[in-house]
Protein backbone atom coordinates (compact mmCIF):
# COMPACT_ATOMS: atom_id res chain seq x y z
CA MET A 1 -0.08 -0.05 0.02
CA ASP A 2 0.65 3.81 -0.69
CA LYS A 3 -0.02 6.65 1.57
CA ILE A 4 -2.00 9.72 0.94
CA GLY A 5 -0.29 12.90 2.98
CA ARG A 6 2.87 11.98 4.18
CA ALA A 7 2.62 14.48 7.05
CA ALA A 8 -0.78 12.52 8.20
CA ASN A 9 0.73 9.28 7.77
CA ILE A 10 -2.32 7.83 6.09
CA TYR A 11 -2.09 4.97 3.69
CA VAL A 12 -4.29 4.22 0.68
CA SER A 13 -4.64 0.93 -1.04
CA ASN A 14 -4.86 0.28 -4.94
CA TYR A 15 -8.64 -0.46 -4.33
CA ASP A 16 -9.11 3.26 -2.35
CA ILE A 17 -7.80 4.95 -5.47
CA TYR A 18 -10.08 2.88 -7.70
CA THR A 19 -13.24 3.32 -5.44
CA ILE A 20 -12.60 7.34 -5.37
CA LEU A 21 -11.59 7.63 -9.19
CA ARG A 22 -14.45 5.19 -10.02
CA ASN A 23 -17.13 6.95 -7.83
CA GLU A 24 -15.94 10.67 -9.27
CA ILE A 25 -16.43 9.32 -12.66
CA LEU A 26 -19.75 7.97 -12.22
CA ASP A 27 -20.80 10.85 -10.57
CA MET A 28 -19.57 13.24 -13.25
CA THR A 29 -17.13 15.04 -10.94
CA ILE A 30 -14.74 13.64 -13.68
CA PRO A 31 -16.58 14.28 -16.92
CA PRO A 32 -16.61 12.01 -19.94
CA GLY A 33 -13.39 12.64 -22.43
CA GLN A 34 -11.45 14.13 -19.66
CA LEU A 35 -7.78 13.31 -19.77
CA LEU A 36 -6.51 11.30 -16.74
CA SER A 37 -2.99 11.50 -16.42
CA GLU A 38 -0.85 8.86 -14.38
CA ASN A 39 1.36 11.50 -13.25
CA ALA A 40 -1.46 13.76 -11.95
CA VAL A 41 -3.27 10.81 -10.09
CA ALA A 42 0.06 9.61 -8.44
CA LYS A 43 0.66 12.99 -7.32
CA ARG A 44 -2.66 13.63 -6.08
CA PHE A 45 -2.59 10.36 -4.00
CA GLU A 46 1.04 10.42 -3.36
CA VAL A 47 1.85 6.87 -4.47
CA SER A 48 4.24 5.91 -7.57
CA ARG A 49 2.84 5.08 -10.97
CA THR A 50 2.63 1.63 -10.42
CA PRO A 51 -0.36 1.39 -8.51
CA VAL A 52 -1.81 3.94 -10.54
CA ARG A 53 -1.49 1.69 -13.89
CA THR A 54 -3.20 -1.33 -11.63
CA VAL A 55 -5.99 1.34 -11.10
CA PHE A 56 -6.48 2.34 -14.80
CA ASP A 57 -6.35 -1.20 -15.53
CA TRP A 58 -9.46 -2.11 -13.39
CA LEU A 59 -11.09 0.96 -14.77
CA ARG A 60 -10.52 0.18 -18.31
CA LYS A 61 -12.14 -3.43 -17.69
CA ASP A 62 -15.13 -1.31 -16.44
CA ASP A 63 -15.42 0.71 -19.44
CA LEU A 64 -14.70 3.67 -17.74
CA ILE A 65 -11.69 5.03 -19.46
CA GLU A 66 -9.88 4.46 -22.73
CA VAL A 67 -6.57 4.12 -23.74
CA HIS A 68 -5.70 6.28 -26.91
CA PRO A 69 -2.11 5.43 -28.30
CA ARG A 70 0.04 8.35 -28.55
CA LYS A 71 -2.73 10.55 -26.86
CA GLY A 72 -3.22 9.47 -23.31
CA THR A 73 -5.95 7.79 -21.42
CA PHE A 74 -9.21 9.42 -21.32
CA VAL A 75 -12.62 8.82 -19.28
CA SER A 76 -15.25 7.26 -21.79
CA LEU A 77 -17.72 9.29 -23.52
CA LEU A 78 -21.24 8.38 -23.19
CA ASP A 79 -23.01 5.94 -25.58
CA LEU A 80 -26.62 7.65 -25.95
CA ASP A 81 -28.04 4.77 -28.34
CA MET A 82 -26.98 2.32 -25.26
CA ILE A 83 -28.64 4.52 -22.81
CA ASP A 84 -31.88 4.76 -24.73
CA GLN A 85 -31.86 0.87 -24.99
CA ILE A 86 -31.01 0.30 -21.33
CA ILE A 87 -34.19 2.75 -20.57
CA TYR A 88 -36.19 0.84 -23.03
CA MET A 89 -35.10 -2.20 -21.08
CA ARG A 90 -35.90 -0.90 -17.89
CA THR A 91 -39.39 0.42 -19.15
CA MET A 92 -40.34 -3.21 -19.66
CA VAL A 93 -38.81 -4.78 -16.86
CA GLU A 94 -40.07 -2.21 -14.13
CA ALA A 95 -43.44 -1.87 -15.68
CA GLY A 96 -44.13 -5.79 -15.21
CA VAL A 97 -42.53 -5.69 -11.69
CA MET A 98 -44.89 -2.37 -10.64
CA THR A 99 -48.08 -3.99 -12.18
CA LYS A 100 -47.29 -6.91 -10.42
CA ILE A 101 -47.20 -5.08 -6.83
CA ALA A 102 -50.34 -3.31 -7.79
CA LYS A 103 -52.08 -6.21 -8.66
CA GLU A 104 -50.99 -8.01 -5.05
CA ARG A 105 -50.49 -5.00 -3.05
CA PRO A 106 -48.67 -6.72 -0.13
CA PRO A 107 -48.45 -4.66 2.87
CA MET A 108 -44.65 -4.77 3.77
CA VAL A 109 -43.50 -3.66 0.23
CA ILE A 110 -46.40 -0.92 0.09
CA GLU A 111 -44.65 0.54 3.56
CA LYS A 112 -41.38 0.20 2.44
CA LEU A 113 -42.07 2.23 -0.77
CA ARG A 114 -44.20 4.67 1.49
CA ALA A 115 -41.25 5.16 3.71
CA ASN A 116 -38.83 5.82 0.50
CA ILE A 117 -41.47 8.12 -0.78
CA LYS A 118 -41.16 10.18 2.68
CA GLN A 119 -37.73 10.08 2.86
CA GLN A 120 -37.41 11.79 -0.70
CA LYS A 121 -39.68 14.53 0.51
CA TYR A 122 -37.50 15.10 3.61
CA LEU A 123 -34.39 15.24 1.64
CA ILE A 124 -35.61 17.52 -1.12
CA ASP A 125 -37.00 20.06 1.62
CA SER A 126 -33.74 19.64 3.57
CA GLY A 127 -31.66 20.61 0.38
CA ILE A 128 -30.88 17.28 -1.52
CA THR A 129 -27.95 16.84 -3.59
CA PRO A 130 -27.72 15.22 -7.14
CA LYS A 131 -25.79 12.26 -5.69
CA GLU A 132 -28.16 11.80 -2.57
CA PHE A 133 -31.13 11.97 -5.16
CA PHE A 134 -29.40 9.33 -7.14
CA GLU A 135 -29.33 7.03 -4.11
CA VAL A 136 -32.75 7.42 -2.69
CA ASP A 137 -34.20 7.03 -6.34
CA SER A 138 -32.36 4.21 -7.08
CA ALA A 139 -33.67 2.64 -4.16
CA PHE A 140 -37.37 3.28 -5.17
CA HIS A 141 -36.66 1.34 -8.02
CA GLU A 142 -34.70 -1.37 -6.30
CA GLN A 143 -37.37 -2.00 -3.66
CA CYS A 144 -39.77 -2.77 -6.37
CA MET A 145 -37.31 -5.30 -7.81
CA ILE A 146 -36.61 -7.00 -4.69
CA ALA A 147 -40.47 -7.02 -3.76
CA ALA A 148 -40.82 -9.22 -7.42
CA LYS A 149 -37.94 -11.15 -6.24
CA LYS A 150 -35.74 -10.07 -9.10
CA GLN A 151 -32.82 -8.73 -7.27
CA LYS A 152 -30.28 -10.74 -9.45
CA LEU A 153 -32.19 -9.04 -12.85
CA TRP A 154 -31.74 -5.47 -10.79
CA GLN A 155 -27.85 -6.41 -10.28
CA MET A 156 -27.63 -7.26 -14.52
CA ILE A 157 -29.24 -3.91 -15.09
CA ARG A 158 -26.99 -1.87 -12.58
CA HIS A 159 -24.02 -3.82 -14.19
CA LEU A 160 -24.92 -2.60 -17.63
CA ASP A 161 -25.66 0.75 -16.14
CA VAL A 162 -22.16 2.64 -16.56
CA HIS A 163 -23.44 4.81 -19.32
CA TYR A 164 -27.01 5.49 -18.01
CA SER A 165 -25.89 5.87 -14.50
CA ARG A 166 -23.75 8.94 -15.63
CA TYR A 167 -26.56 10.16 -17.71
CA ARG A 168 -28.72 10.22 -14.64
CA MET A 169 -26.22 12.30 -12.75
CA LEU A 170 -25.65 14.65 -15.69
CA ASP A 171 -29.54 14.87 -15.43
CA TYR A 172 -29.72 15.63 -11.95
CA THR A 173 -26.89 18.07 -11.72
CA VAL A 174 -28.05 20.11 -14.83
CA THR A 175 -31.91 20.19 -14.41
CA TYR A 176 -32.22 19.92 -10.58
CA ARG A 177 -36.02 18.67 -11.25
CA PHE A 178 -36.01 16.61 -7.94
CA GLU A 179 -39.29 17.64 -7.24
CA ASP A 180 -40.83 16.51 -10.41
CA LEU A 181 -39.17 13.04 -10.19
CA TYR A 182 -40.66 13.06 -6.64
CA GLU A 183 -44.15 13.43 -7.97
CA GLN A 184 -43.67 10.72 -10.72
CA HIS A 185 -42.47 8.22 -7.79
CA CYS A 186 -45.61 9.41 -5.79
CA GLN A 187 -47.72 8.83 -8.98
CA LEU A 188 -46.04 5.29 -9.53
CA PHE A 189 -46.48 4.67 -5.65
CA ARG A 190 -50.35 5.45 -5.61
CA TYR A 191 -50.80 3.45 -8.88
CA MET A 192 -49.38 0.19 -7.01
CA GLU A 193 -50.98 0.91 -3.35
CA THR A 194 -54.37 1.45 -5.02
CA GLY A 195 -54.05 -1.30 -7.83
CA GLN A 196 -54.36 0.64 -10.67
CA HIS A 197 -51.95 -1.52 -12.60
CA ALA A 198 -53.25 -0.40 -16.48
CA LYS A 199 -51.83 3.15 -15.63
CA ILE A 200 -48.28 1.75 -14.60
CA ALA A 201 -46.78 0.91 -18.06
CA SER A 202 -47.54 4.47 -19.47
CA ALA A 203 -46.24 6.23 -16.28
CA ILE A 204 -42.99 4.18 -15.76
CA LYS A 205 -42.19 5.12 -19.56
CA VAL A 206 -42.62 8.93 -19.01
CA HIS A 207 -40.58 8.74 -15.79
CA LEU A 208 -37.68 6.85 -17.13
CA PHE A 209 -37.62 8.69 -20.64
CA SER A 210 -38.66 12.25 -19.54
CA GLY A 211 -34.82 13.21 -18.66
CA PHE A 212 -34.09 13.13 -22.53
CA ILE A 213 -36.75 15.97 -22.54
CA TYR A 214 -35.49 18.11 -19.92
CA ILE A 215 -32.08 18.37 -20.76
CA GLY A 216 -33.50 18.29 -24.61
CA ASP A 217 -31.11 20.11 -27.33
CA ARG A 218 -28.40 21.05 -24.97
CA LEU A 219 -27.56 17.52 -25.54
CA THR A 220 -26.46 18.75 -29.06
CA THR A 221 -24.73 21.79 -28.21
CA GLU A 222 -23.60 22.20 -24.36
CA PHE A 223 -22.92 18.60 -23.67
CA LYS A 224 -22.14 17.39 -27.25
CA ASP A 225 -18.61 16.44 -26.29
CA TYR A 226 -19.85 13.91 -23.61
CA PHE A 227 -21.05 11.52 -26.29
CA SER A 228 -19.66 9.20 -28.64
CA ASP A 229 -20.53 9.13 -32.39
CA GLY A 230 -22.75 6.35 -33.10
CA LYS A 231 -25.22 4.95 -36.04
CA ARG A 232 -27.70 6.95 -34.59
CA SER A 233 -27.26 10.58 -34.19
CA ILE A 234 -28.20 12.18 -30.91
CA TYR A 235 -30.74 14.18 -33.12
CA GLU A 236 -32.31 11.29 -34.21
CA ILE A 237 -32.35 9.48 -30.51
CA LEU A 238 -34.15 12.81 -29.21
CA THR A 239 -36.62 12.93 -32.06
CA ASP A 240 -37.64 9.27 -31.76
CA LEU A 241 -37.93 10.06 -27.83
CA ARG A 242 -39.96 12.96 -28.19
CA ALA A 243 -42.51 11.08 -30.42
CA THR A 244 -42.45 8.04 -27.95
CA ILE A 245 -43.07 10.52 -25.17
CA ASP A 246 -45.94 12.17 -27.23
CA ASP A 247 -47.71 8.91 -28.00
CA ILE A 248 -47.86 8.18 -24.46
CA THR A 249 -48.95 11.63 -22.99
């Protein structure tokens, strides 16, 4: 192990450095496309370049960084087409899960979701951060998946979530639309609590896809450098998504 801060004599492992950098990439503290220098990271954590190379290898295997020969190591760009397809998969899975809860209305599950809703409201009123909302938002959806005994499926979705997690943080950081998302959660909760299962599929689509609409054309201007080039342009994806939302609403 190497140490952070010689004066403090605090030691840091390779895994500590990996965890810090991984979290900073996922919460967009280190944005997509940013250069990551071995020397700068080594200096920051007061370690040699050897553990940094190990950490970079782990981050590369997570698809969080990319090595460009003779150019350097960069934080991976977001794949908007992948994000779109992950959301599509989530809408299909979570509509089924929430419909099941609405039909069965298990008291313990309903109370856990109610507690989460109350926690969201408390945190918003207290001045919630994007990272805090990300956690309580994820917990709401995870509780639904656990209730339907789909924990492993949820873990699989989260494993594929590298692009989508960062996109959600971009959404929360840019729009601060916590009240709107909270109201959408409340609506989904009411449908589950009162057994209105027929309304869930459209509500979850609006909920999960609405981030694209709120950020809108800023994806093609202010944040265009965050996204990789794909077979479908950002404009094409946004046009298709707007049509999807319009059909629902």
